[in-house]
Amino acid sequence: MRLHYLRLRGITEAFPNEVCVDFDSLVRAGIRNARAKGKKLGGRPRVAVDASRIAALRSQGHSWGTIRRETGIAKGTAQRAFYSLHPIRAS
């Protein structure tokens, strides 16, 4: 099924199928135009993280909660940055 159809299912059920097909082509054209203009589509914006600072704080014994408060980033983001420098090795 078309993704936009799943999102607008309640709305599109009131229209004949030809209108839905036209709507589908309009959505695809809009996405094509946005990409041509260099717009970023989908996903969350990445946060700039200083992984070396996080590693330094962690080596000083700071908890993830303390690092989160000091850097102003989420705990998971801090952990992702830390483990990109220090990958966990399986035994």
N, C-alpha and C. Protein backbone atom coordinates (compact mmCIF):
# COMPACT_ATOMS: atom_id res chain seq x y z
N MET A 1 0.83 -1.20 0.00
CA MET A 1 0.00 0.00 0.00
C MET A 1 0.87 1.25 0.00
N ARG A 2 0.36 2.28 -0.58
CA ARG A 2 1.11 3.53 -0.60
C ARG A 2 1.16 4.12 0.79
N LEU A 3 2.33 4.65 1.16
CA LEU A 3 2.54 5.18 2.50
C LEU A 3 1.60 6.33 2.81
N HIS A 4 1.45 7.27 1.86
CA HIS A 4 0.56 8.40 2.14
C HIS A 4 -0.88 7.93 2.28
N TYR A 5 -1.22 6.84 1.60
CA TYR A 5 -2.58 6.31 1.70
C TYR A 5 -2.84 5.80 3.12
N LEU A 6 -1.83 5.18 3.71
CA LEU A 6 -1.99 4.71 5.08
C LEU A 6 -2.17 5.87 6.04
N ARG A 7 -1.47 6.97 5.80
CA ARG A 7 -1.57 8.13 6.67
C ARG A 7 -2.91 8.84 6.53
N LEU A 8 -3.41 8.92 5.32
CA LEU A 8 -4.62 9.68 5.05
C LEU A 8 -5.80 8.77 4.73
N ARG A 9 -5.75 7.56 5.21
CA ARG A 9 -6.77 6.57 4.84
C ARG A 9 -8.19 7.06 5.11
N GLY A 10 -8.39 7.64 6.27
CA GLY A 10 -9.73 8.12 6.60
C GLY A 10 -10.20 9.20 5.66
N ILE A 11 -9.29 10.04 5.19
CA ILE A 11 -9.66 11.13 4.29
C ILE A 11 -9.88 10.61 2.88
N THR A 12 -8.99 9.74 2.41
CA THR A 12 -9.04 9.31 1.01
C THR A 12 -10.15 8.31 0.74
N GLU A 13 -10.71 7.66 1.76
CA GLU A 13 -11.81 6.73 1.52
C GLU A 13 -13.03 7.45 0.96
N ALA A 14 -13.11 8.75 1.20
CA ALA A 14 -14.26 9.51 0.72
C ALA A 14 -14.13 9.86 -0.77
N PHE A 15 -12.93 9.68 -1.36
CA PHE A 15 -12.70 10.06 -2.74
C PHE A 15 -12.58 8.82 -3.62
N PRO A 16 -12.89 8.95 -4.90
CA PRO A 16 -12.69 7.82 -5.82
C PRO A 16 -11.20 7.54 -6.00
N ASN A 17 -10.89 6.36 -6.49
CA ASN A 17 -9.51 5.92 -6.63
C ASN A 17 -8.70 6.83 -7.55
N GLU A 18 -9.33 7.41 -8.57
CA GLU A 18 -8.61 8.28 -9.51
C GLU A 18 -8.02 9.48 -8.78
N VAL A 19 -8.76 10.00 -7.82
CA VAL A 19 -8.27 11.16 -7.06
C VAL A 19 -7.07 10.76 -6.22
N CYS A 20 -7.11 9.56 -5.66
CA CYS A 20 -5.99 9.08 -4.85
C CYS A 20 -4.74 8.92 -5.70
N VAL A 21 -4.90 8.43 -6.92
CA VAL A 21 -3.76 8.27 -7.82
C VAL A 21 -3.18 9.64 -8.16
N ASP A 22 -4.05 10.62 -8.42
CA ASP A 22 -3.58 11.97 -8.69
C ASP A 22 -2.84 12.54 -7.47
N PHE A 23 -3.38 12.28 -6.30
CA PHE A 23 -2.74 12.75 -5.08
C PHE A 23 -1.37 12.12 -4.92
N ASP A 24 -1.25 10.83 -5.24
CA ASP A 24 0.02 10.13 -5.16
C ASP A 24 1.05 10.79 -6.07
N SER A 25 0.66 11.12 -7.29
CA SER A 25 1.60 11.75 -8.23
C SER A 25 1.99 13.15 -7.76
N LEU A 26 1.05 13.86 -7.14
CA LEU A 26 1.38 15.18 -6.61
C LEU A 26 2.38 15.10 -5.46
N VAL A 27 2.22 14.12 -4.60
CA VAL A 27 3.14 13.93 -3.47
C VAL A 27 4.53 13.60 -4.00
N ARG A 28 4.60 12.68 -4.95
CA ARG A 28 5.90 12.31 -5.52
C ARG A 28 6.57 13.49 -6.21
N ALA A 29 5.78 14.30 -6.91
CA ALA A 29 6.33 15.49 -7.59
C ALA A 29 6.85 16.49 -6.55
N GLY A 30 6.11 16.65 -5.47
CA GLY A 30 6.56 17.56 -4.41
C GLY A 30 7.86 17.11 -3.78
N ILE A 31 7.99 15.82 -3.55
CA ILE A 31 9.23 15.28 -2.97
C ILE A 31 10.38 15.45 -3.95
N ARG A 32 10.12 15.20 -5.24
CA ARG A 32 11.16 15.40 -6.27
C ARG A 32 11.63 16.85 -6.30
N ASN A 33 10.68 17.80 -6.25
CA ASN A 33 11.03 19.21 -6.27
C ASN A 33 11.83 19.61 -5.04
N ALA A 34 11.44 19.09 -3.88
CA ALA A 34 12.17 19.41 -2.66
C ALA A 34 13.60 18.90 -2.72
N ARG A 35 13.77 17.68 -3.23
CA ARG A 35 15.13 17.14 -3.36
C ARG A 35 15.95 17.94 -4.36
N ALA A 36 15.32 18.38 -5.44
CA ALA A 36 16.02 19.18 -6.45
C ALA A 36 16.50 20.51 -5.87
N LYS A 37 15.75 21.03 -4.91
CA LYS A 37 16.14 22.29 -4.26
C LYS A 37 17.14 22.08 -3.13
N GLY A 38 17.50 20.80 -2.87
CA GLY A 38 18.49 20.51 -1.84
C GLY A 38 17.93 20.42 -0.43
N LYS A 39 16.63 20.27 -0.30
CA LYS A 39 16.01 20.15 1.02
C LYS A 39 16.33 18.78 1.60
N LYS A 40 16.54 18.74 2.90
CA LYS A 40 16.73 17.48 3.59
C LYS A 40 15.37 16.92 3.93
N LEU A 41 15.16 15.66 3.62
CA LEU A 41 13.87 15.03 3.87
C LEU A 41 14.03 13.91 4.90
N GLY A 42 13.20 13.94 5.92
CA GLY A 42 13.14 12.86 6.89
C GLY A 42 14.30 12.84 7.86
N GLY A 43 14.08 12.16 8.95
CA GLY A 43 15.12 11.97 9.95
C GLY A 43 15.26 13.15 10.89
N ARG A 44 15.90 12.88 11.99
CA ARG A 44 16.15 13.92 12.97
C ARG A 44 17.48 14.60 12.67
N PRO A 45 17.58 15.88 12.97
CA PRO A 45 18.87 16.53 12.78
C PRO A 45 19.90 16.01 13.78
N ARG A 46 21.11 15.82 13.33
CA ARG A 46 22.18 15.33 14.20
C ARG A 46 22.67 16.45 15.11
N VAL A 47 23.03 16.06 16.33
CA VAL A 47 23.55 17.00 17.31
C VAL A 47 25.07 16.93 17.27
N ALA A 48 25.73 18.08 17.27
CA ALA A 48 27.19 18.11 17.31
C ALA A 48 27.65 17.70 18.70
N VAL A 49 28.51 16.68 18.77
CA VAL A 49 28.95 16.13 20.04
C VAL A 49 30.47 16.09 20.07
N ASP A 50 31.03 16.50 21.20
CA ASP A 50 32.47 16.41 21.40
C ASP A 50 32.76 15.11 22.12
N ALA A 51 33.04 14.07 21.35
CA ALA A 51 33.23 12.73 21.92
C ALA A 51 34.44 12.66 22.83
N SER A 52 35.47 13.43 22.53
CA SER A 52 36.67 13.40 23.38
C SER A 52 36.38 14.00 24.75
N ARG A 53 35.52 15.02 24.80
CA ARG A 53 35.15 15.61 26.10
C ARG A 53 34.34 14.60 26.92
N ILE A 54 33.45 13.90 26.26
CA ILE A 54 32.65 12.89 26.94
C ILE A 54 33.56 11.78 27.46
N ALA A 55 34.53 11.36 26.65
CA ALA A 55 35.47 10.33 27.08
C ALA A 55 36.30 10.81 28.27
N ALA A 56 36.69 12.09 28.25
CA ALA A 56 37.46 12.63 29.37
C ALA A 56 36.63 12.65 30.65
N LEU A 57 35.39 13.09 30.55
CA LEU A 57 34.52 13.10 31.72
C LEU A 57 34.28 11.70 32.24
N ARG A 58 34.10 10.76 31.32
CA ARG A 58 33.86 9.38 31.73
C ARG A 58 35.08 8.79 32.41
N SER A 59 36.28 9.12 31.91
CA SER A 59 37.51 8.59 32.51
C SER A 59 37.75 9.20 33.90
N GLN A 60 37.16 10.37 34.16
CA GLN A 60 37.26 10.99 35.48
C GLN A 60 36.25 10.40 36.47
N GLY A 61 35.42 9.45 35.97
CA GLY A 61 34.49 8.77 36.84
C GLY A 61 33.10 9.37 36.90
N HIS A 62 32.81 10.30 36.01
CA HIS A 62 31.48 10.92 35.99
C HIS A 62 30.43 9.92 35.50
N SER A 63 29.24 9.99 36.07
CA SER A 63 28.15 9.13 35.63
C SER A 63 27.56 9.69 34.34
N TRP A 64 26.74 8.87 33.66
CA TRP A 64 26.10 9.33 32.43
C TRP A 64 25.16 10.48 32.72
N GLY A 65 24.50 10.45 33.87
CA GLY A 65 23.60 11.53 34.24
C GLY A 65 24.33 12.85 34.43
N THR A 66 25.52 12.79 35.05
CA THR A 66 26.32 14.00 35.23
C THR A 66 26.81 14.53 33.89
N ILE A 67 27.24 13.63 33.03
CA ILE A 67 27.71 14.03 31.69
C ILE A 67 26.56 14.67 30.92
N ARG A 68 25.38 14.09 31.04
CA ARG A 68 24.20 14.63 30.37
C ARG A 68 23.92 16.06 30.83
N ARG A 69 23.98 16.28 32.13
CA ARG A 69 23.70 17.62 32.66
C ARG A 69 24.80 18.62 32.26
N GLU A 70 26.04 18.20 32.28
CA GLU A 70 27.15 19.12 31.96
C GLU A 70 27.21 19.48 30.49
N THR A 71 26.91 18.51 29.63
CA THR A 71 27.03 18.77 28.19
C THR A 71 25.73 19.26 27.57
N GLY A 72 24.60 18.96 28.21
CA GLY A 72 23.31 19.38 27.67
C GLY A 72 22.78 18.50 26.56
N ILE A 73 23.34 17.29 26.43
CA ILE A 73 22.86 16.36 25.42
C ILE A 73 22.22 15.16 26.12
N ALA A 74 21.47 14.38 25.39
CA ALA A 74 20.80 13.21 25.96
C ALA A 74 21.83 12.14 26.33
N LYS A 75 21.44 11.31 27.29
CA LYS A 75 22.33 10.25 27.76
C LYS A 75 22.69 9.30 26.62
N GLY A 76 21.69 8.91 25.83
CA GLY A 76 21.94 8.00 24.72
C GLY A 76 22.87 8.58 23.67
N THR A 77 22.76 9.88 23.44
CA THR A 77 23.65 10.55 22.49
C THR A 77 25.08 10.54 23.02
N ALA A 78 25.23 10.79 24.32
CA ALA A 78 26.56 10.77 24.94
C ALA A 78 27.15 9.37 24.87
N GLN A 79 26.34 8.36 25.16
CA GLN A 79 26.82 6.98 25.10
C GLN A 79 27.21 6.59 23.68
N ARG A 80 26.42 6.99 22.69
CA ARG A 80 26.73 6.67 21.30
C ARG A 80 28.07 7.29 20.90
N ALA A 81 28.30 8.54 21.31
CA ALA A 81 29.56 9.21 20.99
C ALA A 81 30.73 8.52 21.70
N PHE A 82 30.54 8.16 22.96
CA PHE A 82 31.61 7.52 23.73
C PHE A 82 31.99 6.17 23.13
N TYR A 83 30.96 5.35 22.84
CA TYR A 83 31.24 4.01 22.32
C TYR A 83 31.70 4.02 20.87
N SER A 84 31.54 5.16 20.17
CA SER A 84 32.13 5.24 18.83
C SER A 84 33.65 5.34 18.94
N LEU A 85 34.14 5.90 20.07
CA LEU A 85 35.59 5.96 20.31
C LEU A 85 36.12 4.72 21.01
N HIS A 86 35.27 4.13 21.84
CA HIS A 86 35.65 2.96 22.65
C HIS A 86 34.66 1.83 22.41
N PRO A 87 34.79 1.12 21.29
CA PRO A 87 33.82 0.06 21.01
C PRO A 87 33.90 -1.07 22.05
N ILE A 88 32.76 -1.67 22.34
CA ILE A 88 32.70 -2.78 23.28
C ILE A 88 33.13 -4.04 22.54
N ARG A 89 34.04 -4.77 23.14
CA ARG A 89 34.55 -5.98 22.52
C ARG A 89 33.89 -7.19 23.15
N ALA A 90 33.42 -8.11 22.32
CA ALA A 90 32.80 -9.34 22.83
C ALA A 90 33.89 -10.28 23.32
N SER A 91 33.61 -10.99 24.40
CA SER A 91 34.60 -11.91 24.96
C SER A 91 34.64 -13.21 24.21
